[in-house]
Amino acid sequence: MITRRAFLGGSAAALLAPAALARALEFEAALEKSGLVYVSPLLSSGKESTCHGEVWFGWIDGSVLVITGAERWKARALTKGLDRARIWVGDHGPWKKTLGRNESFREAPSFEAGAARVEGKPALVDQLLEVYGEKYPDEIGKWRDKMRGGYADGSRVLIRYTPL
């Protein structure tokens, strides 16, 4: 598993073995170019929840940021005190299919992260929406105002996933 230090690079990178440094750089490159991540909140036992959703995300300041509906499992998990998640990086198509589930995302690079709700940071939401504009130019037009307004009224939640 990749460590937070490995993700953050900088002076910590000098402390890493060459293989760990190469893996950290590989993760960072994957996060910067990937269109999706798959997120599964971890239960208090450390097991994955049964929900693995593919989501839009931004890689900002060493964390994966997502904005989601307050009623969605990722947000509700935080309310229940489940503050860890497993993140897979890459686009492997929808997780849920008409018949069965697509588990191919499990072959993607993954890491454990601490999860935290981010409140009172509309500038960070704007920064995330700028990233979304670059990554999802064809779709963001119909979502930008809903995400910004939803964050302001509490119907959407900004979540920061920081590698552990």
Foldseek 3Di string as FASTA:
>chain_A
DQFLLLQQDDPSLVVDDPVNVVVNVVVNVLQQPAQWKWKFQADPVRHTDPHTFIAGWHCPPQWTKGKFFCPDPVNVCVVVVRFKMKMFGHPPDGQDDPPHGDPVSVVGDMAMWGKDWDADCLVVLVVTLVVCCVSPVPPSVVPSVVRSVCNVVVRMIMMITHGD
